Amino acid sequence: MCPKKTNRDIGLLGEQIAADHLTMLGYKILERNWRYSRSEIDIIAMYQNILVFAEVKTRSYDFFGTPETFVSSQKELLIHEAASVYMDQIHHDWEFRFDIIAIILNKNDAHTLEHFIDVF
């Protein structure tokens, strides 16, 4: 019998699935789990000439709502703050956006993935 996955295990698996998805689409992953103060940006990537800050939400089911609905306005503010600091550090002065990647893992490790582009 397989041990039950913890929330941390589910989150890490979701972030790997999201990074693989972005890489397959031609994104260059610059950072994973980049932290500033109380905030963490799951994935920072470059797509063409756009700097992309991606929040990854992974759930085992969507009974209580789809994963993307769990990105609160407080979380958005924290991501914006951290993104500003990151852009200052790399002297970024071109286009950027914020994406959400929502993943639902099934029991057999299959998954569904939705990539919401430029959401906040």
PDB file of N, CA and C in Angstrom:
ATOM      1  N   MET A   1       0.839  -1.184   0.000  1.00  0.00           N
ATOM      2  CA  MET A   1       0.000   0.000   0.000  1.00  0.00           C
ATOM      3  C   MET A   1       0.881   1.242   0.000  1.00  0.00           C
ATOM      4  N   CYS A   2       0.586   2.196  -0.866  1.00  0.00           N
ATOM      5  CA  CYS A   2       1.367   3.430  -0.952  1.00  0.00           C
ATOM      6  C   CYS A   2       1.013   4.352   0.208  1.00  0.00           C
ATOM      7  N   PRO A   3       2.030   5.015   0.773  1.00  0.00           N
ATOM      8  CA  PRO A   3       1.720   5.973   1.833  1.00  0.00           C
ATOM      9  C   PRO A   3       0.952   7.161   1.256  1.00  0.00           C
ATOM     10  N   LYS A   4       0.099   7.738   2.081  1.00  0.00           N
ATOM     11  CA  LYS A   4      -0.692   8.890   1.661  1.00  0.00           C
ATOM     12  C   LYS A   4       0.231  10.093   1.469  1.00  0.00           C
ATOM     13  N   LYS A   5       0.004  10.843   0.397  1.00  0.00           N
ATOM     14  CA  LYS A   5       0.802  12.035   0.131  1.00  0.00           C
ATOM     15  C   LYS A   5       0.390  13.149   1.089  1.00  0.00           C
ATOM     16  N   THR A   6       1.392  13.855   1.612  1.00  0.00           N
ATOM     17  CA  THR A   6       1.128  15.021   2.458  1.00  0.00           C
ATOM     18  C   THR A   6       0.817  16.220   1.561  1.00  0.00           C
ATOM     19  N   ASN A   7       0.293  17.291   2.164  1.00  0.00           N
ATOM     20  CA  ASN A   7       0.040  18.511   1.396  1.00  0.00           C
ATOM     21  C   ASN A   7       1.325  19.032   0.767  1.00  0.00           C
ATOM     22  N   ARG A   8       2.437  18.899   1.492  1.00  0.00           N
ATOM     23  CA  ARG A   8       3.738  19.333   0.956  1.00  0.00           C
ATOM     24  C   ARG A   8       4.110  18.499  -0.267  1.00  0.00           C
ATOM     25  N   ASP A   9       3.928  17.175  -0.181  1.00  0.00           N
ATOM     26  CA  ASP A   9       4.219  16.300  -1.317  1.00  0.00           C
ATOM     27  C   ASP A   9       3.377  16.693  -2.537  1.00  0.00           C
ATOM     28  N   ILE A  10       2.112  16.955  -2.296  1.00  0.00           N
ATOM     29  CA  ILE A  10       1.191  17.333  -3.375  1.00  0.00           C
ATOM     30  C   ILE A  10       1.636  18.652  -3.997  1.00  0.00           C
ATOM     31  N   GLY A  11       2.010  19.619  -3.155  1.00  0.00           N
ATOM     32  CA  GLY A  11       2.475  20.910  -3.651  1.00  0.00           C
ATOM     33  C   GLY A  11       3.742  20.799  -4.471  1.00  0.00           C
ATOM     34  N   LEU A  12       4.700  20.021  -3.979  1.00  0.00           N
ATOM     35  CA  LEU A  12       5.960  19.841  -4.714  1.00  0.00           C
ATOM     36  C   LEU A  12       5.741  19.149  -6.057  1.00  0.00           C
ATOM     37  N   LEU A  13       4.881  18.144  -6.067  1.00  0.00           N
ATOM     38  CA  LEU A  13       4.569  17.450  -7.311  1.00  0.00           C
ATOM     39  C   LEU A  13       3.897  18.407  -8.291  1.00  0.00           C
ATOM     40  N   GLY A  14       2.959  19.198  -7.793  1.00  0.00           N
ATOM     41  CA  GLY A  14       2.280  20.175  -8.644  1.00  0.00           C
ATOM     42  C   GLY A  14       3.241  21.189  -9.233  1.00  0.00           C
ATOM     43  N   GLU A  15       4.184  21.663  -8.425  1.00  0.00           N
ATOM     44  CA  GLU A  15       5.159  22.630  -8.932  1.00  0.00           C
ATOM     45  C   GLU A  15       6.050  22.018 -10.002  1.00  0.00           C
ATOM     46  N   GLN A  16       6.395  20.747  -9.848  1.00  0.00           N
ATOM     47  CA  GLN A  16       7.210  20.081 -10.876  1.00  0.00           C
ATOM     48  C   GLN A  16       6.414  19.908 -12.164  1.00  0.00           C
ATOM     49  N   ILE A  17       5.147  19.520 -12.033  1.00  0.00           N
ATOM     50  CA  ILE A  17       4.279  19.379 -13.206  1.00  0.00           C
ATOM     51  C   ILE A  17       4.158  20.723 -13.920  1.00  0.00           C
ATOM     52  N   ALA A  18       3.973  21.803 -13.147  1.00  0.00           N
ATOM     53  CA  ALA A  18       3.844  23.142 -13.731  1.00  0.00           C
ATOM     54  C   ALA A  18       5.131  23.562 -14.429  1.00  0.00           C
ATOM     55  N   ALA A  19       6.277  23.327 -13.794  1.00  0.00           N
ATOM     56  CA  ALA A  19       7.564  23.680 -14.410  1.00  0.00           C
ATOM     57  C   ALA A  19       7.766  22.897 -15.705  1.00  0.00           C
ATOM     58  N   ASP A  20       7.427  21.616 -15.695  1.00  0.00           N
ATOM     59  CA  ASP A  20       7.544  20.793 -16.907  1.00  0.00           C
ATOM     60  C   ASP A  20       6.631  21.323 -18.012  1.00  0.00           C
ATOM     61  N   HIS A  21       5.418  21.707 -17.626  1.00  0.00           N
ATOM     62  CA  HIS A  21       4.446  22.258 -18.577  1.00  0.00           C
ATOM     63  C   HIS A  21       4.999  23.526 -19.229  1.00  0.00           C
ATOM     64  N   LEU A  22       5.518  24.432 -18.404  1.00  0.00           N
ATOM     65  CA  LEU A  22       6.045  25.688 -18.931  1.00  0.00           C
ATOM     66  C   LEU A  22       7.253  25.441 -19.839  1.00  0.00           C
ATOM     67  N   THR A  23       8.130  24.568 -19.416  1.00  0.00           N
ATOM     68  CA  THR A  23       9.312  24.245 -20.215  1.00  0.00           C
ATOM     69  C   THR A  23       8.916  23.671 -21.573  1.00  0.00           C
ATOM     70  N   MET A  24       7.932  22.796 -21.564  1.00  0.00           N
ATOM     71  CA  MET A  24       7.449  22.191 -22.807  1.00  0.00           C
ATOM     72  C   MET A  24       6.894  23.258 -23.762  1.00  0.00           C
ATOM     73  N   LEU A  25       6.317  24.324 -23.201  1.00  0.00           N
ATOM     74  CA  LEU A  25       5.759  25.401 -24.027  1.00  0.00           C
ATOM     75  C   LEU A  25       6.807  26.429 -24.466  1.00  0.00           C
ATOM     76  N   GLY A  26       8.056  26.243 -24.035  1.00  0.00           N
ATOM     77  CA  GLY A  26       9.111  27.147 -24.456  1.00  0.00           C
ATOM     78  C   GLY A  26       9.497  28.213 -23.447  1.00  0.00           C
ATOM     79  N   TYR A  27       8.979  28.127 -22.234  1.00  0.00           N
ATOM     80  CA  TYR A  27       9.364  29.062 -21.176  1.00  0.00           C
ATOM     81  C   TYR A  27      10.734  28.653 -20.633  1.00  0.00           C
ATOM     82  N   LYS A  28      11.517  29.641 -20.219  1.00  0.00           N
ATOM     83  CA  LYS A  28      12.787  29.370 -19.551  1.00  0.00           C
ATOM     84  C   LYS A  28      12.576  29.632 -18.058  1.00  0.00           C
ATOM     85  N   ILE A  29      12.734  28.604 -17.242  1.00  0.00           N
ATOM     86  CA  ILE A  29      12.545  28.738 -15.798  1.00  0.00           C
ATOM     87  C   ILE A  29      13.760  29.465 -15.226  1.00  0.00           C
ATOM     88  N   LEU A  30      13.515  30.604 -14.566  1.00  0.00           N
ATOM     89  CA  LEU A  30      14.592  31.392 -13.961  1.00  0.00           C
ATOM     90  C   LEU A  30      14.752  31.089 -12.471  1.00  0.00           C
ATOM     91  N   GLU A  31      13.638  30.934 -11.782  1.00  0.00           N
ATOM     92  CA  GLU A  31      13.649  30.693 -10.332  1.00  0.00           C
ATOM     93  C   GLU A  31      12.476  29.801  -9.963  1.00  0.00           C
ATOM     94  N   ARG A  32      12.684  29.027  -8.900  1.00  0.00           N
ATOM     95  CA  ARG A  32      11.574  28.274  -8.303  1.00  0.00           C
ATOM     96  C   ARG A  32      11.594  28.543  -6.807  1.00  0.00           C
ATOM     97  N   ASN A  33      10.420  28.781  -6.260  1.00  0.00           N
ATOM     98  CA  ASN A  33      10.256  29.050  -4.831  1.00  0.00           C
ATOM     99  C   ASN A  33      11.110  30.230  -4.374  1.00  0.00           C
ATOM    100  N   TRP A  34      11.030  31.324  -5.125  1.00  0.00           N
ATOM    101  CA  TRP A  34      11.784  32.532  -4.806  1.00  0.00           C
ATOM    102  C   TRP A  34      11.076  33.259  -3.669  1.00  0.00           C
ATOM    103  N   ARG A  35      11.831  33.575  -2.627  1.00  0.00           N
ATOM    104  CA  ARG A  35      11.237  34.158  -1.421  1.00  0.00           C
ATOM    105  C   ARG A  35      11.690  35.594  -1.207  1.00  0.00           C
ATOM    106  N   TYR A  36      10.743  36.376  -0.717  1.00  0.00           N
ATOM    107  CA  TYR A  36      11.023  37.723  -0.220  1.00  0.00           C
ATOM    108  C   TYR A  36      10.090  37.965   0.955  1.00  0.00           C
ATOM    109  N   SER A  37      10.668  38.274   2.100  1.00  0.00           N
ATOM    110  CA  SER A  37       9.891  38.565   3.301  1.00  0.00           C
ATOM    111  C   SER A  37       8.895  37.423   3.568  1.00  0.00           C
ATOM    112  N   ARG A  38       7.596  37.743   3.573  1.00  0.00           N
ATOM    113  CA  ARG A  38       6.574  36.723   3.871  1.00  0.00           C
ATOM    114  C   ARG A  38       6.011  36.072   2.620  1.00  0.00           C
ATOM    115  N   SER A  39       6.581  36.382   1.482  1.00  0.00           N
ATOM    116  CA  SER A  39       6.013  35.906   0.227  1.00  0.00           C
ATOM    117  C   SER A  39       6.938  34.940  -0.489  1.00  0.00           C
ATOM    118  N   GLU A  40       6.328  34.072  -1.271  1.00  0.00           N
ATOM    119  CA  GLU A  40       7.073  33.159  -2.120  1.00  0.00           C
ATOM    120  C   GLU A  40       6.417  33.149  -3.498  1.00  0.00           C
ATOM    121  N   ILE A  41       7.254  33.219  -4.520  1.00  0.00           N
ATOM    122  CA  ILE A  41       6.760  33.083  -5.888  1.00  0.00           C
ATOM    123  C   ILE A  41       7.157  31.687  -6.338  1.00  0.00           C
ATOM    124  N   ASP A  42       6.167  30.886  -6.708  1.00  0.00           N
ATOM    125  CA  ASP A  42       6.424  29.482  -7.043  1.00  0.00           C
ATOM    126  C   ASP A  42       7.374  29.334  -8.223  1.00  0.00           C
ATOM    127  N   ILE A  43       7.078  30.032  -9.316  1.00  0.00           N
ATOM    128  CA  ILE A  43       7.915  29.931 -10.510  1.00  0.00           C
ATOM    129  C   ILE A  43       8.066  31.321 -11.129  1.00  0.00           C
ATOM    130  N   ILE A  44       9.292  31.659 -11.451  1.00  0.00           N
ATOM    131  CA  ILE A  44       9.574  32.857 -12.241  1.00  0.00           C
ATOM    132  C   ILE A  44      10.199  32.354 -13.532  1.00  0.00           C
ATOM    133  N   ALA A  45       9.610  32.777 -14.648  1.00  0.00           N
ATOM    134  CA  ALA A  45      10.066  32.277 -15.945  1.00  0.00           C
ATOM    135  C   ALA A  45      10.093  33.401 -16.964  1.00  0.00           C
ATOM    136  N   MET A  46      10.795  33.153 -18.035  1.00  0.00           N
ATOM    137  CA  MET A  46      10.819  34.083 -19.162  1.00  0.00           C
ATOM    138  C   MET A  46      10.149  33.386 -20.335  1.00  0.00           C
ATOM    139  N   TYR A  47       9.208  34.090 -20.956  1.00  0.00           N
ATOM    140  CA  TYR A  47       8.558  33.578 -22.160  1.00  0.00           C
ATOM    141  C   TYR A  47       8.656  34.652 -23.227  1.00  0.00           C
ATOM    142  N   GLN A  48       9.395  34.359 -24.260  1.00  0.00           N
ATOM    143  CA  GLN A  48       9.722  35.346 -25.288  1.00  0.00           C
ATOM    144  C   GLN A  48      10.344  36.538 -24.565  1.00  0.00           C
ATOM    145  N   ASN A  49       9.746  37.711 -24.595  1.00  0.00           N
ATOM    146  CA  ASN A  49      10.303  38.871 -23.884  1.00  0.00           C
ATOM    147  C   ASN A  49       9.475  39.246 -22.662  1.00  0.00           C
ATOM    148  N   ILE A  50       8.728  38.290 -22.124  1.00  0.00           N
ATOM    149  CA  ILE A  50       7.833  38.570 -20.995  1.00  0.00           C
ATOM    150  C   ILE A  50       8.342  37.839 -19.762  1.00  0.00           C
ATOM    151  N   LEU A  51       8.479  38.569 -18.660  1.00  0.00           N
ATOM    152  CA  LEU A  51       8.807  37.967 -17.375  1.00  0.00           C
ATOM    153  C   LEU A  51       7.506  37.483 -16.747  1.00  0.00           C
ATOM    154  N   VAL A  52       7.445  36.206 -16.395  1.00  0.00           N
ATOM    155  CA  VAL A  52       6.208  35.594 -15.910  1.00  0.00           C
ATOM    156  C   VAL A  52       6.388  35.132 -14.469  1.00  0.00           C
ATOM    157  N   PHE A  53       5.486  35.588 -13.604  1.00  0.00           N
ATOM    158  CA  PHE A  53       5.429  35.142 -12.215  1.00  0.00           C
ATOM    159  C   PHE A  53       4.243  34.198 -12.107  1.00  0.00           C
ATOM    160  N   ALA A  54       4.507  32.935 -11.810  1.00  0.00           N
ATOM    161  CA  ALA A  54       3.437  31.926 -11.808  1.00  0.00           C
ATOM    162  C   ALA A  54       3.183  31.407 -10.398  1.00  0.00           C
ATOM    163  N   GLU A  55       1.933  31.450 -10.007  1.00  0.00           N
ATOM    164  CA  GLU A  55       1.468  30.853  -8.752  1.00  0.00           C
ATOM    165  C   GLU A  55       0.880  29.496  -9.108  1.00  0.00           C
ATOM    166  N   VAL A  56       1.356  28.452  -8.444  1.00  0.00           N
ATOM    167  CA  VAL A  56       0.893  27.094  -8.716  1.00  0.00           C
ATOM    168  C   VAL A  56      -0.016  26.662  -7.571  1.00  0.00           C
ATOM    169  N   LYS A  57      -1.214  26.223  -7.901  1.00  0.00           N
ATOM    170  CA  LYS A  57      -2.156  25.700  -6.906  1.00  0.00           C
ATOM    171  C   LYS A  57      -2.492  24.264  -7.293  1.00  0.00           C
ATOM    172  N   THR A  58      -2.216  23.350  -6.374  1.00  0.00           N
ATOM    173  CA  THR A  58      -2.440  21.928  -6.632  1.00  0.00           C
ATOM    174  C   THR A  58      -3.383  21.382  -5.567  1.00  0.00           C
ATOM    175  N   ARG A  59      -4.343  20.617  -5.999  1.00  0.00           N
ATOM    176  CA  ARG A  59      -5.293  19.976  -5.096  1.00  0.00           C
ATOM    177  C   ARG A  59      -5.480  18.521  -5.530  1.00  0.00           C
ATOM    178  N   SER A  60      -5.927  17.709  -4.586  1.00  0.00           N
ATOM    179  CA  SER A  60      -6.227  16.307  -4.892  1.00  0.00           C
ATOM    180  C   SER A  60      -7.656  16.154  -5.402  1.00  0.00           C
ATOM    181  N   TYR A  61      -8.465  17.169  -5.208  1.00  0.00           N
ATOM    182  CA  TYR A  61      -9.868  17.136  -5.645  1.00  0.00           C
ATOM    183  C   TYR A  61     -10.366  18.569  -5.720  1.00  0.00           C
ATOM    184  N   ASP A  62     -11.504  18.762  -6.359  1.00  0.00           N
ATOM    185  CA  ASP A  62     -12.052  20.118  -6.467  1.00  0.00           C
ATOM    186  C   ASP A  62     -13.428  20.234  -5.817  1.00  0.00           C
ATOM    187  N   PHE A  63     -13.670  19.382  -4.833  1.00  0.00           N
ATOM    188  CA  PHE A  63     -14.961  19.373  -4.148  1.00  0.00           C
ATOM    189  C   PHE A  63     -15.285  20.737  -3.538  1.00  0.00           C
ATOM    190  N   PHE A  64     -14.291  21.408  -2.964  1.00  0.00           N
ATOM    191  CA  PHE A  64     -14.503  22.696  -2.305  1.00  0.00           C
ATOM    192  C   PHE A  64     -14.184  23.882  -3.211  1.00  0.00           C
ATOM    193  N   GLY A  65     -13.885  23.625  -4.463  1.00  0.00           N
ATOM    194  CA  GLY A  65     -13.570  24.683  -5.412  1.00  0.00           C
ATOM    195  C   GLY A  65     -12.347  24.321  -6.229  1.00  0.00           C
ATOM    196  N   THR A  66     -12.234  24.949  -7.369  1.00  0.00           N
ATOM    197  CA  THR A  66     -11.095  24.683  -8.227  1.00  0.00           C
ATOM    198  C   THR A  66      -9.840  25.325  -7.634  1.00  0.00           C
ATOM    199  N   PRO A  67      -8.678  24.774  -7.936  1.00  0.00           N
ATOM    200  CA  PRO A  67      -7.444  25.266  -7.309  1.00  0.00           C
ATOM    201  C   PRO A  67      -7.217  26.766  -7.453  1.00  0.00           C
ATOM    202  N   GLU A  68      -7.508  27.310  -8.621  1.00  0.00           N
ATOM    203  CA  GLU A  68      -7.244  28.733  -8.851  1.00  0.00           C
ATOM    204  C   GLU A  68      -8.055  29.657  -7.952  1.00  0.00           C
ATOM    205  N   THR A  69      -9.187  29.165  -7.451  1.00  0.00           N
ATOM    206  CA  THR A  69     -10.016  30.004  -6.571  1.00  0.00           C
ATOM    207  C   THR A  69      -9.393  30.173  -5.187  1.00  0.00           C
ATOM    208  N   PHE A  70      -8.319  29.445  -4.904  1.00  0.00           N
ATOM    209  CA  PHE A  70      -7.657  29.548  -3.610  1.00  0.00           C
ATOM    210  C   PHE A  70      -6.529  30.579  -3.597  1.00  0.00           C
ATOM    211  N   VAL A  71      -6.396  31.353  -4.661  1.00  0.00           N
ATOM    212  CA  VAL A  71      -5.436  32.463  -4.666  1.00  0.00           C
ATOM    213  C   VAL A  71      -6.183  33.691  -4.150  1.00  0.00           C
ATOM    214  N   SER A  72      -5.907  34.045  -2.916  1.00  0.00           N
ATOM    215  CA  SER A  72      -6.622  35.146  -2.269  1.00  0.00           C
ATOM    216  C   SER A  72      -6.069  36.503  -2.701  1.00  0.00           C
ATOM    217  N   SER A  73      -6.826  37.544  -2.425  1.00  0.00           N
ATOM    218  CA  SER A  73      -6.348  38.891  -2.729  1.00  0.00           C
ATOM    219  C   SER A  73      -5.108  39.214  -1.891  1.00  0.00           C
ATOM    220  N   GLN A  74      -5.032  38.692  -0.670  1.00  0.00           N
ATOM    221  CA  GLN A  74      -3.834  38.878   0.165  1.00  0.00           C
ATOM    222  C   GLN A  74      -2.621  38.207  -0.487  1.00  0.00           C
ATOM    223  N   LYS A  75      -2.805  37.011  -1.023  1.00  0.00           N
ATOM    224  CA  LYS A  75      -1.723  36.306  -1.710  1.00  0.00           C
ATOM    225  C   LYS A  75      -1.284  37.102  -2.938  1.00  0.00           C
ATOM    226  N   GLU A  76      -2.235  37.652  -3.676  1.00  0.00           N
ATOM    227  CA  GLU A  76      -1.903  38.470  -4.843  1.00  0.00           C
ATOM    228  C   GLU A  76      -1.038  39.660  -4.442  1.00  0.00           C
ATOM    229  N   LEU A  77      -1.394  40.337  -3.343  1.00  0.00           N
ATOM    230  CA  LEU A  77      -0.607  41.479  -2.868  1.00  0.00           C
ATOM    231  C   LEU A  77       0.815  41.063  -2.504  1.00  0.00           C
ATOM    232  N   LEU A  78       0.958  39.928  -1.831  1.00  0.00           N
ATOM    233  CA  LEU A  78       2.286  39.444  -1.465  1.00  0.00           C
ATOM    234  C   LEU A  78       3.124  39.105  -2.698  1.00  0.00           C
ATOM    235  N   ILE A  79       2.494  38.503  -3.691  1.00  0.00           N
ATOM    236  CA  ILE A  79       3.200  38.159  -4.924  1.00  0.00           C
ATOM    237  C   ILE A  79       3.624  39.437  -5.659  1.00  0.00           C
ATOM    238  N   HIS A  80       2.731  40.436  -5.715  1.00  0.00           N
ATOM    239  CA  HIS A  80       3.069  41.710  -6.346  1.00  0.00           C
ATOM    240  C   HIS A  80       4.272  42.355  -5.658  1.00  0.00           C
ATOM    241  N   GLU A  81       4.263  42.348  -4.340  1.00  0.00           N
ATOM    242  CA  GLU A  81       5.360  42.938  -3.571  1.00  0.00           C
ATOM    243  C   GLU A  81       6.680  42.227  -3.890  1.00  0.00           C
ATOM    244  N   ALA A  82       6.652  40.892  -3.830  1.00  0.00           N
ATOM    245  CA  ALA A  82       7.862  40.117  -4.103  1.00  0.00           C
ATOM    246  C   ALA A  82       8.316  40.309  -5.552  1.00  0.00           C
ATOM    247  N   ALA A  83       7.385  40.355  -6.479  1.00  0.00           N
ATOM    248  CA  ALA A  83       7.730  40.547  -7.885  1.00  0.00           C
ATOM    249  C   ALA A  83       8.413  41.900  -8.101  1.00  0.00           C
ATOM    250  N   SER A  84       7.943  42.926  -7.423  1.00  0.00           N
ATOM    251  CA  SER A  84       8.566  44.249  -7.532  1.00  0.00           C
ATOM    252  C   SER A  84      10.014  44.213  -7.070  1.00  0.00           C
ATOM    253  N   VAL A  85      10.257  43.541  -5.956  1.00  0.00           N
ATOM    254  CA  VAL A  85      11.620  43.422  -5.433  1.00  0.00           C
ATOM    255  C   VAL A  85      12.487  42.632  -6.425  1.00  0.00           C
ATOM    256  N   TYR A  86      11.960  41.539  -6.942  1.00  0.00           N
ATOM    257  CA  TYR A  86      12.709  40.726  -7.899  1.00  0.00           C
ATOM    258  C   TYR A  86      13.076  41.563  -9.127  1.00  0.00           C
ATOM    259  N   MET A  87      12.105  42.307  -9.652  1.00  0.00           N
ATOM    260  CA  MET A  87      12.366  43.117 -10.843  1.00  0.00           C
ATOM    261  C   MET A  87      13.404  44.203 -10.554  1.00  0.00           C
ATOM    262  N   ASP A  88      13.366  44.789  -9.364  1.00  0.00           N
ATOM    263  CA  ASP A  88      14.397  45.764  -8.977  1.00  0.00           C
ATOM    264  C   ASP A  88      15.774  45.103  -8.951  1.00  0.00           C
ATOM    265  N   GLN A  89      15.842  43.908  -8.403  1.00  0.00           N
ATOM    266  CA  GLN A  89      17.126  43.211  -8.276  1.00  0.00           C
ATOM    267  C   GLN A  89      17.753  42.887  -9.630  1.00  0.00           C
ATOM    268  N   ILE A  90      16.929  42.543 -10.614  1.00  0.00           N
ATOM    269  CA  ILE A  90      17.485  42.182 -11.928  1.00  0.00           C
ATOM    270  C   ILE A  90      17.427  43.356 -12.912  1.00  0.00           C
ATOM    271  N   HIS A  91      16.988  44.524 -12.420  1.00  0.00           N
ATOM    272  CA  HIS A  91      16.882  45.730 -13.260  1.00  0.00           C
ATOM    273  C   HIS A  91      15.959  45.494 -14.455  1.00  0.00           C
ATOM    274  N   HIS A  92      14.826  44.891 -14.166  1.00  0.00           N
ATOM    275  CA  HIS A  92      13.836  44.547 -15.189  1.00  0.00           C
ATOM    276  C   HIS A  92      13.006  45.780 -15.535  1.00  0.00           C
ATOM    277  N   ASP A  93      12.904  46.095 -16.811  1.00  0.00           N
ATOM    278  CA  ASP A  93      12.090  47.244 -17.206  1.00  0.00           C
ATOM    279  C   ASP A  93      11.288  46.969 -18.483  1.00  0.00           C
ATOM    280  N   TRP A  94      10.913  45.724 -18.658  1.00  0.00           N
ATOM    281  CA  TRP A  94      10.097  45.375 -19.810  1.00  0.00           C
ATOM    282  C   TRP A  94       8.831  44.664 -19.334  1.00  0.00           C
ATOM    283  N   GLU A  95       8.120  44.053 -20.233  1.00  0.00           N
ATOM    284  CA  GLU A  95       6.802  43.478 -19.939  1.00  0.00           C
ATOM    285  C   GLU A  95       6.883  42.331 -18.933  1.00  0.00           C
ATOM    286  N   PHE A  96       5.848  42.258 -18.076  1.00  0.00           N
ATOM    287  CA  PHE A  96       5.725  41.154 -17.125  1.00  0.00           C
ATOM    288  C   PHE A  96       4.252  40.830 -16.952  1.00  0.00           C
ATOM    289  N   ARG A  97       4.000  39.647 -16.379  1.00  0.00           N
ATOM    290  CA  ARG A  97       2.609  39.258 -16.112  1.00  0.00           C
ATOM    291  C   ARG A  97       2.576  38.245 -14.969  1.00  0.00           C
ATOM    292  N   PHE A  98       1.354  38.024 -14.467  1.00  0.00           N
ATOM    293  CA  PHE A  98       1.123  37.071 -13.385  1.00  0.00           C
ATOM    294  C   PHE A  98       0.170  35.985 -13.886  1.00  0.00           C
ATOM    295  N   ASP A  99       0.613  34.738 -13.779  1.00  0.00           N
ATOM    296  CA  ASP A  99      -0.184  33.588 -14.209  1.00  0.00           C
ATOM    297  C   ASP A  99      -0.538  32.722 -13.006  1.00  0.00           C
ATOM    298  N   ILE A 100      -1.571  31.927 -13.161  1.00  0.00           N
ATOM    299  CA  ILE A 100      -1.908  30.872 -12.196  1.00  0.00           C
ATOM    300  C   ILE A 100      -1.930  29.555 -12.961  1.00  0.00           C
ATOM    301  N   ILE A 101      -1.299  28.552 -12.379  1.00  0.00           N
ATOM    302  CA  ILE A 101      -1.366  27.202 -12.938  1.00  0.00           C
ATOM    303  C   ILE A 101      -2.096  26.344 -11.917  1.00  0.00           C
ATOM    304  N   ALA A 102      -3.260  25.851 -12.315  1.00  0.00           N
ATOM    305  CA  ALA A 102      -4.126  25.061 -11.433  1.00  0.00           C
ATOM    306  C   ALA A 102      -4.035  23.592 -11.833  1.00  0.00           C
ATOM    307  N   ILE A 103      -3.735  22.763 -10.836  1.00  0.00           N
ATOM    308  CA  ILE A 103      -3.538  21.333 -11.099  1.00  0.00           C
ATOM    309  C   ILE A 103      -4.407  20.525 -10.141  1.00  0.00           C
ATOM    310  N   ILE A 104      -5.082  19.536 -10.681  1.00  0.00           N
ATOM    311  CA  ILE A 104      -5.808  18.568  -9.851  1.00  0.00           C
ATOM    312  C   ILE A 104      -5.173  17.210 -10.091  1.00  0.00           C
ATOM    313  N   LEU A 105      -4.684  16.605  -9.004  1.00  0.00           N
ATOM    314  CA  LEU A 105      -4.061  15.282  -9.081  1.00  0.00           C
ATOM    315  C   LEU A 105      -5.118  14.219  -8.829  1.00  0.00           C
ATOM    316  N   ASN A 106      -5.144  13.214  -9.651  1.00  0.00           N
ATOM    317  CA  ASN A 106      -6.044  12.084  -9.437  1.00  0.00           C
ATOM    318  C   ASN A 106      -5.313  11.013  -8.627  1.00  0.00           C
ATOM    319  N   LYS A 107      -6.037  10.044  -8.143  1.00  0.00           N
ATOM    320  CA  LYS A 107      -5.446   8.998  -7.301  1.00  0.00           C
ATOM    321  C   LYS A 107      -4.346   8.213  -7.995  1.00  0.00           C
ATOM    322  N   ASN A 108      -4.436   8.047  -9.299  1.00  0.00           N
ATOM    323  CA  ASN A 108      -3.438   7.272 -10.027  1.00  0.00           C
ATOM    324  C   ASN A 108      -2.292   8.138 -10.543  1.00  0.00           C
ATOM    325  N   ASP A 109      -2.107   9.330  -9.952  1.00  0.00           N
ATOM    326  CA  ASP A 109      -1.071  10.303 -10.317  1.00  0.00           C
ATOM    327  C   ASP A 109      -1.275  10.939 -11.691  1.00  0.00           C
ATOM    328  N   ALA A 110      -2.397  10.671 -12.337  1.00  0.00           N
ATOM    329  CA  ALA A 110      -2.750  11.436 -13.530  1.00  0.00           C
ATOM    330  C   ALA A 110      -3.176  12.817 -13.034  1.00  0.00           C
ATOM    331  N   HIS A 111      -3.220  13.775 -13.919  1.00  0.00           N
ATOM    332  CA  HIS A 111      -3.588  15.117 -13.473  1.00  0.00           C
ATOM    333  C   HIS A 111      -4.282  15.885 -14.594  1.00  0.00           C
ATOM    334  N   THR A 112      -4.978  16.928 -14.176  1.00  0.00           N
ATOM    335  CA  THR A 112      -5.487  17.915 -15.108  1.00  0.00           C
ATOM    336  C   THR A 112      -4.785  19.220 -14.776  1.00  0.00           C
ATOM    337  N   LEU A 113      -4.539  20.033 -15.785  1.00  0.00           N
ATOM    338  CA  LEU A 113      -3.816  21.276 -15.604  1.00  0.00           C
ATOM    339  C   LEU A 113      -4.501  22.360 -16.411  1.00  0.00           C
ATOM    340  N   GLU A 114      -4.713  23.515 -15.776  1.00  0.00           N
ATOM    341  CA  GLU A 114      -5.199  24.698 -16.470  1.00  0.00           C
ATOM    342  C   GLU A 114      -4.217  25.825 -16.225  1.00  0.00           C
ATOM    343  N   HIS A 115      -3.831  26.507 -17.284  1.00  0.00           N
ATOM    344  CA  HIS A 115      -2.885  27.610 -17.200  1.00  0.00           C
ATOM    345  C   HIS A 115      -3.640  28.895 -17.492  1.00  0.00           C
ATOM    346  N   PHE A 116      -3.787  29.733 -16.476  1.00  0.00           N
ATOM    347  CA  PHE A 116      -4.483  31.000 -16.606  1.00  0.00           C
ATOM    348  C   PHE A 116      -3.431  32.092 -16.796  1.00  0.00           C
ATOM    349  N   ILE A 117      -3.481  32.776 -17.915  1.00  0.00           N
ATOM    350  CA  ILE A 117      -2.454  33.735 -18.287  1.00  0.00           C
ATOM    351  C   ILE A 117      -2.906  35.156 -17.976  1.00  0.00           C
ATOM    352  N   ASP A 118      -1.989  35.925 -17.340  1.00  0.00           N
ATOM    353  CA  ASP A 118      -2.201  37.346 -17.049  1.00  0.00           C
ATOM    354  C   ASP A 118      -3.472  37.572 -16.236  1.00  0.00           C
ATOM    355  N   VAL A 119      -3.533  36.930 -15.077  1.00  0.00           N
ATOM    356  CA  VAL A 119      -4.777  36.926 -14.303  1.00  0.00           C
ATOM    357  C   VAL A 119      -4.910  38.028 -13.261  1.00  0.00           C
ATOM    358  N   PHE A 120      -3.805  38.570 -12.792  1.00  0.00           N
ATOM    359  CA  PHE A 120      -3.914  39.677 -11.824  1.00  0.00           C
ATOM    360  C   PHE A 120      -2.740  40.607 -11.918  1.00  0.00           C
TER     361      PHE A 120
END
